[in-house]
Amino acid sequence: MDGGNVISHKDMKALVASGKARIIDVRLPEEVAIGRIASSVNIPVAEIEEALKMDPESFKTKYGVDKPRKDDENLIFHCQMGRRGAQATEIAMILGYAKARNYAGGYKEWSEKEGK
């Protein structure tokens, strides 16, 4: 993964604050239960490919939010420490989500810097 597909904590924080971020947390539900980034949607990495291939109605029914558009500039994937987020970002890019990015610091960095 080159740097162009990764978002830093500083940029992530600004994006979250702007309310424009489409954050997909690819950790397991039991990890998310411990803490999560506000406004993120949990889609475990094993479901990412299937989820992104769904039609918009099915996606919304299953996950409760609108399906991201392929040209979405603020589509961010993250996990606990970066590895699964990178996998999910790669899958999304193969499926045509060209601007998808991985928040490489993951929830571990977020919780350390945000204190939650």
Foldseek 3Di string as FASTA:
>chain_A
DDPQQEDEPVRVVVCVVVVLAAEEEQEDPVVCVVDDDPPYWYDHLVCLLVLLPDDQVVNCVVTVDGRDDLARQRYEYAYAAADSSVVSQVSSVVVRSVNYHYHRRHVNVVCVVVVD
